[in-house]
Amino acid sequence: MSYEKLFLSSLLLTLVVEVPIVFLILRVKYKNFHSENVILAGILASVLTLPYFWFIAPAFIHDRTIYIIVGESMIVLIEAFIYYKLLKIKFTQALLVSFIANLASVLVGLL
């Protein structure tokens, strides 16, 4: 399978895992969100960050362990910022949501 096809399957998996987690956390714990806004924010966060992890970061970070640690850390921070801005929640809440969603995504991806 080509790298681009692997990317698309990874993007689909990321969306299938992360968007429901973001939705559940925000709707169950905080409850004051319109479903469409949460879903859109979840999709947008993944669609905006995953290409950098797959296509940009490898050009600058050659050690696989550092690539994973730095790349995932940056994704968590950027996605948290997206949730913070779009959903108007506290940054600490956005960071927690982003961390949990990305941890789940990484664990499912490893399987």
PDB file of N, CA and C in Angstrom:
ATOM      1  N   MET A   1       0.849  -1.183   0.000  1.00  0.00           N
ATOM      2  CA  MET A   1       0.000   0.000   0.000  1.00  0.00           C
ATOM      3  C   MET A   1       0.887   1.235   0.000  1.00  0.00           C
ATOM      4  N   SER A   2       0.527   2.229  -0.779  1.00  0.00           N
ATOM      5  CA  SER A   2       1.332   3.446  -0.866  1.00  0.00           C
ATOM      6  C   SER A   2       1.238   4.249   0.433  1.00  0.00           C
ATOM      7  N   TYR A   3       2.205   5.112   0.629  1.00  0.00           N
ATOM      8  CA  TYR A   3       2.251   5.959   1.827  1.00  0.00           C
ATOM      9  C   TYR A   3       0.998   6.830   1.915  1.00  0.00           C
ATOM     10  N   GLU A   4       0.559   7.326   0.772  1.00  0.00           N
ATOM     11  CA  GLU A   4      -0.620   8.184   0.735  1.00  0.00           C
ATOM     12  C   GLU A   4      -1.877   7.406   1.136  1.00  0.00           C
ATOM     13  N   LYS A   5      -1.995   6.161   0.688  1.00  0.00           N
ATOM     14  CA  LYS A   5      -3.146   5.339   1.071  1.00  0.00           C
ATOM     15  C   LYS A   5      -3.088   4.986   2.558  1.00  0.00           C
ATOM     16  N   LEU A   6      -1.895   4.734   3.064  1.00  0.00           N
ATOM     17  CA  LEU A   6      -1.748   4.498   4.496  1.00  0.00           C
ATOM     18  C   LEU A   6      -2.167   5.741   5.287  1.00  0.00           C
ATOM     19  N   PHE A   7      -1.788   6.910   4.782  1.00  0.00           N
ATOM     20  CA  PHE A   7      -2.191   8.161   5.430  1.00  0.00           C
ATOM     21  C   PHE A   7      -3.707   8.277   5.468  1.00  0.00           C
ATOM     22  N   LEU A   8      -4.371   8.031   4.342  1.00  0.00           N
ATOM     23  CA  LEU A   8      -5.830   8.156   4.291  1.00  0.00           C
ATOM     24  C   LEU A   8      -6.503   7.159   5.226  1.00  0.00           C
ATOM     25  N   SER A   9      -5.988   5.948   5.300  1.00  0.00           N
ATOM     26  CA  SER A   9      -6.580   4.977   6.228  1.00  0.00           C
ATOM     27  C   SER A   9      -6.321   5.397   7.677  1.00  0.00           C
ATOM     28  N   SER A  10      -5.165   5.981   7.932  1.00  0.00           N
ATOM     29  CA  SER A  10      -4.860   6.487   9.268  1.00  0.00           C
ATOM     30  C   SER A  10      -5.769   7.660   9.626  1.00  0.00           C
ATOM     31  N   LEU A  11      -6.017   8.527   8.663  1.00  0.00           N
ATOM     32  CA  LEU A  11      -6.910   9.661   8.897  1.00  0.00           C
ATOM     33  C   LEU A  11      -8.319   9.169   9.224  1.00  0.00           C
ATOM     34  N   LEU A  12      -8.789   8.205   8.469  1.00  0.00           N
ATOM     35  CA  LEU A  12     -10.117   7.648   8.720  1.00  0.00           C
ATOM     36  C   LEU A  12     -10.181   7.014  10.114  1.00  0.00           C
ATOM     37  N   LEU A  13      -9.172   6.232  10.459  1.00  0.00           N
ATOM     38  CA  LEU A  13      -9.125   5.614  11.783  1.00  0.00           C
ATOM     39  C   LEU A  13      -9.091   6.672  12.880  1.00  0.00           C
ATOM     40  N   THR A  14      -8.288   7.702  12.671  1.00  0.00           N
ATOM     41  CA  THR A  14      -8.195   8.792  13.641  1.00  0.00           C
ATOM     42  C   THR A  14      -9.553   9.448  13.854  1.00  0.00           C
ATOM     43  N   LEU A  15     -10.257   9.717  12.766  1.00  0.00           N
ATOM     44  CA  LEU A  15     -11.576  10.349  12.869  1.00  0.00           C
ATOM     45  C   LEU A  15     -12.579   9.426  13.576  1.00  0.00           C
ATOM     46  N   VAL A  16     -12.541   8.147  13.242  1.00  0.00           N
ATOM     47  CA  VAL A  16     -13.468   7.183  13.832  1.00  0.00           C
ATOM     48  C   VAL A  16     -13.230   7.034  15.334  1.00  0.00           C
ATOM     49  N   VAL A  17     -11.981   7.152  15.754  1.00  0.00           N
ATOM     50  CA  VAL A  17     -11.654   7.000  17.178  1.00  0.00           C
ATOM     51  C   VAL A  17     -11.815   8.322  17.929  1.00  0.00           C
ATOM     52  N   GLU A  18     -11.215   9.397  17.422  1.00  0.00           N
ATOM     53  CA  GLU A  18     -11.133  10.635  18.182  1.00  0.00           C
ATOM     54  C   GLU A  18     -12.440  11.427  18.239  1.00  0.00           C
ATOM     55  N   VAL A  19     -13.144  11.531  17.137  1.00  0.00           N
ATOM     56  CA  VAL A  19     -14.353  12.371  17.129  1.00  0.00           C
ATOM     57  C   VAL A  19     -15.388  11.863  18.142  1.00  0.00           C
ATOM     58  N   PRO A  20     -15.700  10.565  18.187  1.00  0.00           N
ATOM     59  CA  PRO A  20     -16.652  10.115  19.212  1.00  0.00           C
ATOM     60  C   PRO A  20     -16.164  10.346  20.642  1.00  0.00           C
ATOM     61  N   ILE A  21     -14.865  10.214  20.871  1.00  0.00           N
ATOM     62  CA  ILE A  21     -14.328  10.442  22.214  1.00  0.00           C
ATOM     63  C   ILE A  21     -14.469  11.907  22.601  1.00  0.00           C
ATOM     64  N   VAL A  22     -14.101  12.797  21.701  1.00  0.00           N
ATOM     65  CA  VAL A  22     -14.256  14.233  21.952  1.00  0.00           C
ATOM     66  C   VAL A  22     -15.727  14.548  22.216  1.00  0.00           C
ATOM     67  N   PHE A  23     -16.588  13.993  21.384  1.00  0.00           N
ATOM     68  CA  PHE A  23     -18.023  14.221  21.519  1.00  0.00           C
ATOM     69  C   PHE A  23     -18.522  13.753  22.888  1.00  0.00           C
ATOM     70  N   LEU A  24     -18.167  12.527  23.259  1.00  0.00           N
ATOM     71  CA  LEU A  24     -18.639  11.971  24.524  1.00  0.00           C
ATOM     72  C   LEU A  24     -18.128  12.749  25.730  1.00  0.00           C
ATOM     73  N   ILE A  25     -16.862  13.080  25.718  1.00  0.00           N
ATOM     74  CA  ILE A  25     -16.302  13.823  26.853  1.00  0.00           C
ATOM     75  C   ILE A  25     -17.003  15.171  27.003  1.00  0.00           C
ATOM     76  N   LEU A  26     -17.114  15.888  25.916  1.00  0.00           N
ATOM     77  CA  LEU A  26     -17.683  17.237  26.007  1.00  0.00           C
ATOM     78  C   LEU A  26     -19.184  17.218  26.272  1.00  0.00           C
ATOM     79  N   ARG A  27     -19.899  16.286  25.662  1.00  0.00           N
ATOM     80  CA  ARG A  27     -21.356  16.234  25.866  1.00  0.00           C
ATOM     81  C   ARG A  27     -21.726  15.666  27.237  1.00  0.00           C
ATOM     82  N   VAL A  28     -20.958  14.707  27.733  1.00  0.00           N
ATOM     83  CA  VAL A  28     -21.287  14.093  29.016  1.00  0.00           C
ATOM     84  C   VAL A  28     -20.770  14.935  30.177  1.00  0.00           C
ATOM     85  N   LYS A  29     -19.531  15.358  30.081  1.00  0.00           N
ATOM     86  CA  LYS A  29     -18.928  16.081  31.204  1.00  0.00           C
ATOM     87  C   LYS A  29     -19.361  17.547  31.264  1.00  0.00           C
ATOM     88  N   TYR A  30     -19.415  18.217  30.117  1.00  0.00           N
ATOM     89  CA  TYR A  30     -19.678  19.654  30.135  1.00  0.00           C
ATOM     90  C   TYR A  30     -21.071  20.024  29.639  1.00  0.00           C
ATOM     91  N   LYS A  31     -21.688  19.231  28.804  1.00  0.00           N
ATOM     92  CA  LYS A  31     -23.089  19.278  28.396  1.00  0.00           C
ATOM     93  C   LYS A  31     -23.577  20.529  27.665  1.00  0.00           C
ATOM     94  N   ASN A  32     -22.873  21.597  27.653  1.00  0.00           N
ATOM     95  CA  ASN A  32     -23.382  22.844  27.079  1.00  0.00           C
ATOM     96  C   ASN A  32     -23.000  23.059  25.623  1.00  0.00           C
ATOM     97  N   PHE A  33     -22.820  22.001  24.871  1.00  0.00           N
ATOM     98  CA  PHE A  33     -22.345  22.140  23.504  1.00  0.00           C
ATOM     99  C   PHE A  33     -23.369  21.619  22.511  1.00  0.00           C
ATOM    100  N   HIS A  34     -23.442  22.293  21.382  1.00  0.00           N
ATOM    101  CA  HIS A  34     -24.244  21.780  20.274  1.00  0.00           C
ATOM    102  C   HIS A  34     -23.460  20.637  19.638  1.00  0.00           C
ATOM    103  N   SER A  35     -24.132  19.549  19.379  1.00  0.00           N
ATOM    104  CA  SER A  35     -23.482  18.362  18.827  1.00  0.00           C
ATOM    105  C   SER A  35     -22.710  18.669  17.556  1.00  0.00           C
ATOM    106  N   GLU A  36     -23.304  19.472  16.674  1.00  0.00           N
ATOM    107  CA  GLU A  36     -22.662  19.782  15.395  1.00  0.00           C
ATOM    108  C   GLU A  36     -21.328  20.500  15.600  1.00  0.00           C
ATOM    109  N   ASN A  37     -21.281  21.408  16.574  1.00  0.00           N
ATOM    110  CA  ASN A  37     -20.044  22.149  16.826  1.00  0.00           C
ATOM    111  C   ASN A  37     -18.932  21.241  17.335  1.00  0.00           C
ATOM    112  N   VAL A  38     -19.289  20.308  18.212  1.00  0.00           N
ATOM    113  CA  VAL A  38     -18.295  19.382  18.761  1.00  0.00           C
ATOM    114  C   VAL A  38     -17.776  18.458  17.671  1.00  0.00           C
ATOM    115  N   ILE A  39     -18.677  17.932  16.866  1.00  0.00           N
ATOM    116  CA  ILE A  39     -18.271  17.036  15.776  1.00  0.00           C
ATOM    117  C   ILE A  39     -17.401  17.771  14.776  1.00  0.00           C
ATOM    118  N   LEU A  40     -17.798  18.975  14.409  1.00  0.00           N
ATOM    119  CA  LEU A  40     -17.008  19.771  13.463  1.00  0.00           C
ATOM    120  C   LEU A  40     -15.619  20.079  14.031  1.00  0.00           C
ATOM    121  N   ALA A  41     -15.544  20.448  15.289  1.00  0.00           N
ATOM    122  CA  ALA A  41     -14.254  20.745  15.915  1.00  0.00           C
ATOM    123  C   ALA A  41     -13.363  19.506  15.939  1.00  0.00           C
ATOM    124  N   GLY A  42     -13.955  18.348  16.244  1.00  0.00           N
ATOM    125  CA  GLY A  42     -13.188  17.104  16.267  1.00  0.00           C
ATOM    126  C   GLY A  42     -12.640  16.740  14.900  1.00  0.00           C
ATOM    127  N   ILE A  43     -13.483  16.869  13.893  1.00  0.00           N
ATOM    128  CA  ILE A  43     -13.038  16.578  12.525  1.00  0.00           C
ATOM    129  C   ILE A  43     -11.962  17.560  12.094  1.00  0.00           C
ATOM    130  N   LEU A  44     -12.218  18.836  12.323  1.00  0.00           N
ATOM    131  CA  LEU A  44     -11.277  19.872  11.906  1.00  0.00           C
ATOM    132  C   LEU A  44      -9.915  19.703  12.576  1.00  0.00           C
ATOM    133  N   ALA A  45      -9.913  19.395  13.860  1.00  0.00           N
ATOM    134  CA  ALA A  45      -8.646  19.228  14.582  1.00  0.00           C
ATOM    135  C   ALA A  45      -7.802  18.114  13.959  1.00  0.00           C
ATOM    136  N   SER A  46      -8.422  16.987  13.679  1.00  0.00           N
ATOM    137  CA  SER A  46      -7.672  15.862  13.108  1.00  0.00           C
ATOM    138  C   SER A  46      -7.232  16.132  11.676  1.00  0.00           C
ATOM    139  N   VAL A  47      -8.117  16.704  10.894  1.00  0.00           N
ATOM    140  CA  VAL A  47      -7.806  16.969   9.484  1.00  0.00           C
ATOM    141  C   VAL A  47      -6.688  18.010   9.356  1.00  0.00           C
ATOM    142  N   LEU A  48      -6.620  18.936  10.286  1.00  0.00           N
ATOM    143  CA  LEU A  48      -5.574  19.957  10.222  1.00  0.00           C
ATOM    144  C   LEU A  48      -4.226  19.496  10.765  1.00  0.00           C
ATOM    145  N   THR A  49      -4.226  18.548  11.693  1.00  0.00           N
ATOM    146  CA  THR A  49      -2.951  18.172  12.314  1.00  0.00           C
ATOM    147  C   THR A  49      -2.296  16.922  11.739  1.00  0.00           C
ATOM    148  N   LEU A  50      -3.072  15.940  11.348  1.00  0.00           N
ATOM    149  CA  LEU A  50      -2.486  14.676  10.897  1.00  0.00           C
ATOM    150  C   LEU A  50      -1.562  14.807   9.684  1.00  0.00           C
ATOM    151  N   PRO A  51      -1.878  15.645   8.699  1.00  0.00           N
ATOM    152  CA  PRO A  51      -0.945  15.781   7.565  1.00  0.00           C
ATOM    153  C   PRO A  51       0.449  16.264   7.990  1.00  0.00           C
ATOM    154  N   TYR A  52       0.519  17.128   8.983  1.00  0.00           N
ATOM    155  CA  TYR A  52       1.827  17.591   9.452  1.00  0.00           C
ATOM    156  C   TYR A  52       2.597  16.444  10.088  1.00  0.00           C
ATOM    157  N   PHE A  53       1.897  15.606  10.837  1.00  0.00           N
ATOM    158  CA  PHE A  53       2.544  14.468  11.487  1.00  0.00           C
ATOM    159  C   PHE A  53       3.072  13.479  10.457  1.00  0.00           C
ATOM    160  N   TRP A  54       2.337  13.278   9.386  1.00  0.00           N
ATOM    161  CA  TRP A  54       2.717  12.291   8.374  1.00  0.00           C
ATOM    162  C   TRP A  54       3.687  12.821   7.322  1.00  0.00           C
ATOM    163  N   PHE A  55       3.543  14.094   6.945  1.00  0.00           N
ATOM    164  CA  PHE A  55       4.305  14.587   5.796  1.00  0.00           C
ATOM    165  C   PHE A  55       5.351  15.655   6.126  1.00  0.00           C
ATOM    166  N   ILE A  56       5.156  16.433   7.170  1.00  0.00           N
ATOM    167  CA  ILE A  56       6.093  17.518   7.482  1.00  0.00           C
ATOM    168  C   ILE A  56       7.113  17.084   8.541  1.00  0.00           C
ATOM    169  N   ALA A  57       6.619  16.588   9.667  1.00  0.00           N
ATOM    170  CA  ALA A  57       7.518  16.221  10.769  1.00  0.00           C
ATOM    171  C   ALA A  57       8.615  15.234  10.368  1.00  0.00           C
ATOM    172  N   PRO A  58       8.319  14.212   9.556  1.00  0.00           N
ATOM    173  CA  PRO A  58       9.398  13.266   9.201  1.00  0.00           C
ATOM    174  C   PRO A  58      10.560  13.909   8.435  1.00  0.00           C
ATOM    175  N   ALA A  59      10.299  15.018   7.791  1.00  0.00           N
ATOM    176  CA  ALA A  59      11.372  15.696   7.060  1.00  0.00           C
ATOM    177  C   ALA A  59      12.361  16.370   8.009  1.00  0.00           C
ATOM    178  N   PHE A  60      11.933  16.625   9.239  1.00  0.00           N
ATOM    179  CA  PHE A  60      12.783  17.336  10.188  1.00  0.00           C
ATOM    180  C   PHE A  60      13.240  16.478  11.364  1.00  0.00           C
ATOM    181  N   ILE A  61      12.472  15.442  11.680  1.00  0.00           N
ATOM    182  CA  ILE A  61      12.809  14.586  12.826  1.00  0.00           C
ATOM    183  C   ILE A  61      13.039  13.176  12.303  1.00  0.00           C
ATOM    184  N   HIS A  62      14.277  12.730  12.401  1.00  0.00           N
ATOM    185  CA  HIS A  62      14.647  11.451  11.798  1.00  0.00           C
ATOM    186  C   HIS A  62      14.645  10.282  12.782  1.00  0.00           C
ATOM    187  N   ASP A  63      14.774  10.567  14.055  1.00  0.00           N
ATOM    188  CA  ASP A  63      14.725   9.518  15.061  1.00  0.00           C
ATOM    189  C   ASP A  63      13.263   9.178  15.350  1.00  0.00           C
ATOM    190  N   ARG A  64      12.888   7.918  15.187  1.00  0.00           N
ATOM    191  CA  ARG A  64      11.474   7.500  15.297  1.00  0.00           C
ATOM    192  C   ARG A  64      10.884   7.800  16.676  1.00  0.00           C
ATOM    193  N   THR A  65      11.632   7.534  17.736  1.00  0.00           N
ATOM    194  CA  THR A  65      11.125   7.774  19.087  1.00  0.00           C
ATOM    195  C   THR A  65      10.863   9.256  19.323  1.00  0.00           C
ATOM    196  N   ILE A  66      11.810  10.081  18.938  1.00  0.00           N
ATOM    197  CA  ILE A  66      11.644  11.529  19.096  1.00  0.00           C
ATOM    198  C   ILE A  66      10.504  12.031  18.210  1.00  0.00           C
ATOM    199  N   TYR A  67      10.412  11.486  17.009  1.00  0.00           N
ATOM    200  CA  TYR A  67       9.334  11.840  16.074  1.00  0.00           C
ATOM    201  C   TYR A  67       7.962  11.586  16.701  1.00  0.00           C
ATOM    202  N   ILE A  68       7.800  10.425  17.313  1.00  0.00           N
ATOM    203  CA  ILE A  68       6.521  10.075  17.936  1.00  0.00           C
ATOM    204  C   ILE A  68       6.238  10.998  19.126  1.00  0.00           C
ATOM    205  N   ILE A  69       7.209  11.168  19.995  1.00  0.00           N
ATOM    206  CA  ILE A  69       7.013  11.974  21.200  1.00  0.00           C
ATOM    207  C   ILE A  69       6.740  13.432  20.852  1.00  0.00           C
ATOM    208  N   VAL A  70       7.602  14.017  20.031  1.00  0.00           N
ATOM    209  CA  VAL A  70       7.438  15.429  19.665  1.00  0.00           C
ATOM    210  C   VAL A  70       6.193  15.620  18.804  1.00  0.00           C
ATOM    211  N   GLY A  71       6.006  14.743  17.830  1.00  0.00           N
ATOM    212  CA  GLY A  71       4.860  14.863  16.932  1.00  0.00           C
ATOM    213  C   GLY A  71       3.539  14.766  17.664  1.00  0.00           C
ATOM    214  N   GLU A  72       3.387  13.747  18.489  1.00  0.00           N
ATOM    215  CA  GLU A  72       2.132  13.577  19.235  1.00  0.00           C
ATOM    216  C   GLU A  72       1.927  14.713  20.237  1.00  0.00           C
ATOM    217  N   SER A  73       2.992  15.167  20.873  1.00  0.00           N
ATOM    218  CA  SER A  73       2.875  16.286  21.816  1.00  0.00           C
ATOM    219  C   SER A  73       2.393  17.548  21.107  1.00  0.00           C
ATOM    220  N   MET A  74       2.946  17.808  19.948  1.00  0.00           N
ATOM    221  CA  MET A  74       2.521  18.989  19.177  1.00  0.00           C
ATOM    222  C   MET A  74       1.062  18.852  18.730  1.00  0.00           C
ATOM    223  N   ILE A  75       0.683  17.662  18.316  1.00  0.00           N
ATOM    224  CA  ILE A  75      -0.700  17.440  17.896  1.00  0.00           C
ATOM    225  C   ILE A  75      -1.647  17.684  19.061  1.00  0.00           C
ATOM    226  N   VAL A  76      -1.319  17.171  20.231  1.00  0.00           N
ATOM    227  CA  VAL A  76      -2.171  17.384  21.408  1.00  0.00           C
ATOM    228  C   VAL A  76      -2.318  18.879  21.680  1.00  0.00           C
ATOM    229  N   LEU A  77      -1.226  19.609  21.633  1.00  0.00           N
ATOM    230  CA  LEU A  77      -1.277  21.056  21.905  1.00  0.00           C
ATOM    231  C   LEU A  77      -2.073  21.812  20.838  1.00  0.00           C
ATOM    232  N   ILE A  78      -1.834  21.498  19.585  1.00  0.00           N
ATOM    233  CA  ILE A  78      -2.531  22.194  18.497  1.00  0.00           C
ATOM    234  C   ILE A  78      -4.023  21.872  18.514  1.00  0.00           C
ATOM    235  N   GLU A  79      -4.361  20.610  18.699  1.00  0.00           N
ATOM    236  CA  GLU A  79      -5.775  20.248  18.750  1.00  0.00           C
ATOM    237  C   GLU A  79      -6.447  20.863  19.974  1.00  0.00           C
ATOM    238  N   ALA A  80      -5.743  20.935  21.091  1.00  0.00           N
ATOM    239  CA  ALA A  80      -6.292  21.597  22.282  1.00  0.00           C
ATOM    240  C   ALA A  80      -6.585  23.064  21.973  1.00  0.00           C
ATOM    241  N   PHE A  81      -5.678  23.710  21.266  1.00  0.00           N
ATOM    242  CA  PHE A  81      -5.886  25.109  20.896  1.00  0.00           C
ATOM    243  C   PHE A  81      -7.115  25.241  19.989  1.00  0.00           C
ATOM    244  N   ILE A  82      -7.288  24.315  19.073  1.00  0.00           N
ATOM    245  CA  ILE A  82      -8.452  24.330  18.178  1.00  0.00           C
ATOM    246  C   ILE A  82      -9.736  24.185  18.995  1.00  0.00           C
ATOM    247  N   TYR A  83      -9.768  23.227  19.931  1.00  0.00           N
ATOM    248  CA  TYR A  83     -10.951  23.053  20.784  1.00  0.00           C
ATOM    249  C   TYR A  83     -11.191  24.297  21.643  1.00  0.00           C
ATOM    250  N   TYR A  84     -10.132  24.838  22.174  1.00  0.00           N
ATOM    251  CA  TYR A  84     -10.204  26.043  23.011  1.00  0.00           C
ATOM    252  C   TYR A  84     -10.842  27.201  22.242  1.00  0.00           C
ATOM    253  N   LYS A  85     -10.376  27.417  21.027  1.00  0.00           N
ATOM    254  CA  LYS A  85     -10.871  28.536  20.228  1.00  0.00           C
ATOM    255  C   LYS A  85     -12.274  28.286  19.679  1.00  0.00           C
ATOM    256  N   LEU A  86     -12.491  27.108  19.105  1.00  0.00           N
ATOM    257  CA  LEU A  86     -13.778  26.848  18.456  1.00  0.00           C
ATOM    258  C   LEU A  86     -14.910  26.601  19.446  1.00  0.00           C
ATOM    259  N   LEU A  87     -14.606  25.933  20.536  1.00  0.00           N
ATOM    260  CA  LEU A  87     -15.660  25.561  21.476  1.00  0.00           C
ATOM    261  C   LEU A  87     -15.719  26.477  22.698  1.00  0.00           C
ATOM    262  N   LYS A  88     -14.746  27.381  22.780  1.00  0.00           N
ATOM    263  CA  LYS A  88     -14.699  28.373  23.849  1.00  0.00           C
ATOM    264  C   LYS A  88     -14.734  27.723  25.248  1.00  0.00           C
ATOM    265  N   ILE A  89     -13.858  26.748  25.411  1.00  0.00           N
ATOM    266  CA  ILE A  89     -13.700  26.108  26.717  1.00  0.00           C
ATOM    267  C   ILE A  89     -12.352  26.514  27.289  1.00  0.00           C
ATOM    268  N   LYS A  90     -12.152  26.232  28.569  1.00  0.00           N
ATOM    269  CA  LYS A  90     -10.867  26.525  29.201  1.00  0.00           C
ATOM    270  C   LYS A  90      -9.782  25.711  28.504  1.00  0.00           C
ATOM    271  N   PHE A  91      -8.582  26.293  28.422  1.00  0.00           N
ATOM    272  CA  PHE A  91      -7.500  25.590  27.741  1.00  0.00           C
ATOM    273  C   PHE A  91      -7.158  24.285  28.446  1.00  0.00           C
ATOM    274  N   THR A  92      -7.238  24.261  29.775  1.00  0.00           N
ATOM    275  CA  THR A  92      -6.938  23.020  30.498  1.00  0.00           C
ATOM    276  C   THR A  92      -7.947  21.924  30.145  1.00  0.00           C
ATOM    277  N   GLN A  93      -9.209  22.299  29.972  1.00  0.00           N
ATOM    278  CA  GLN A  93     -10.226  21.329  29.556  1.00  0.00           C
ATOM    279  C   GLN A  93      -9.929  20.835  28.145  1.00  0.00           C
ATOM    280  N   ALA A  94      -9.591  21.764  27.268  1.00  0.00           N
ATOM    281  CA  ALA A  94      -9.285  21.410  25.882  1.00  0.00           C
ATOM    282  C   ALA A  94      -8.069  20.497  25.818  1.00  0.00           C
ATOM    283  N   LEU A  95      -7.090  20.761  26.648  1.00  0.00           N
ATOM    284  CA  LEU A  95      -5.876  19.945  26.690  1.00  0.00           C
ATOM    285  C   LEU A  95      -6.193  18.526  27.160  1.00  0.00           C
ATOM    286  N   LEU A  96      -7.033  18.399  28.157  1.00  0.00           N
ATOM    287  CA  LEU A  96      -7.422  17.084  28.649  1.00  0.00           C
ATOM    288  C   LEU A  96      -8.185  16.300  27.579  1.00  0.00           C
ATOM    289  N   VAL A  97      -9.123  16.948  26.911  1.00  0.00           N
ATOM    290  CA  VAL A  97      -9.894  16.302  25.853  1.00  0.00           C
ATOM    291  C   VAL A  97      -8.965  15.846  24.732  1.00  0.00           C
ATOM    292  N   SER A  98      -8.081  16.724  24.311  1.00  0.00           N
ATOM    293  CA  SER A  98      -7.146  16.404  23.242  1.00  0.00           C
ATOM    294  C   SER A  98      -6.229  15.251  23.639  1.00  0.00           C
ATOM    295  N   PHE A  99      -5.724  15.276  24.847  1.00  0.00           N
ATOM    296  CA  PHE A  99      -4.825  14.220  25.307  1.00  0.00           C
ATOM    297  C   PHE A  99      -5.526  12.865  25.308  1.00  0.00           C
ATOM    298  N   ILE A 100      -6.729  12.802  25.864  1.00  0.00           N
ATOM    299  CA  ILE A 100      -7.461  11.533  25.941  1.00  0.00           C
ATOM    300  C   ILE A 100      -7.785  11.009  24.543  1.00  0.00           C
ATOM    301  N   ALA A 101      -8.266  11.883  23.671  1.00  0.00           N
ATOM    302  CA  ALA A 101      -8.617  11.461  22.309  1.00  0.00           C
ATOM    303  C   ALA A 101      -7.383  10.958  21.558  1.00  0.00           C
ATOM    304  N   ASN A 102      -6.288  11.655  21.677  1.00  0.00           N
ATOM    305  CA  ASN A 102      -5.071  11.245  20.969  1.00  0.00           C
ATOM    306  C   ASN A 102      -4.442   9.995  21.567  1.00  0.00           C
ATOM    307  N   LEU A 103      -4.520   9.841  22.865  1.00  0.00           N
ATOM    308  CA  LEU A 103      -4.006   8.627  23.491  1.00  0.00           C
ATOM    309  C   LEU A 103      -4.796   7.420  22.980  1.00  0.00           C
ATOM    310  N   ALA A 104      -6.102   7.561  22.941  1.00  0.00           N
ATOM    311  CA  ALA A 104      -6.937   6.471  22.420  1.00  0.00           C
ATOM    312  C   ALA A 104      -6.589   6.158  20.970  1.00  0.00           C
ATOM    313  N   SER A 105      -6.398   7.188  20.182  1.00  0.00           N
ATOM    314  CA  SER A 105      -6.071   7.023  18.773  1.00  0.00           C
ATOM    315  C   SER A 105      -4.726   6.310  18.593  1.00  0.00           C
ATOM    316  N   VAL A 106      -3.754   6.695  19.370  1.00  0.00           N
ATOM    317  CA  VAL A 106      -2.430   6.050  19.290  1.00  0.00           C
ATOM    318  C   VAL A 106      -2.530   4.593  19.716  1.00  0.00           C
ATOM    319  N   LEU A 107      -3.241   4.325  20.779  1.00  0.00           N
ATOM    320  CA  LEU A 107      -3.379   2.936  21.247  1.00  0.00           C
ATOM    321  C   LEU A 107      -4.106   2.062  20.239  1.00  0.00           C
ATOM    322  N   VAL A 108      -5.165   2.573  19.639  1.00  0.00           N
ATOM    323  CA  VAL A 108      -5.867   1.810  18.605  1.00  0.00           C
ATOM    324  C   VAL A 108      -4.963   1.627  17.388  1.00  0.00           C
ATOM    325  N   GLY A 109      -4.225   2.655  17.036  1.00  0.00           N
ATOM    326  CA  GLY A 109      -3.305   2.560  15.909  1.00  0.00           C
ATOM    327  C   GLY A 109      -2.216   1.528  16.109  1.00  0.00           C
ATOM    328  N   LEU A 110      -1.771   1.367  17.349  1.00  0.00           N
ATOM    329  CA  LEU A 110      -0.743   0.375  17.653  1.00  0.00           C
ATOM    330  C   LEU A 110      -1.268  -1.047  17.519  1.00  0.00           C
ATOM    331  N   LEU A 111      -2.570  -1.210  17.741  1.00  0.00           N
ATOM    332  CA  LEU A 111      -3.177  -2.542  17.605  1.00  0.00           C
ATOM    333  C   LEU A 111      -3.235  -2.914  16.151  1.00  0.00           C
TER     334      LEU A 111
END
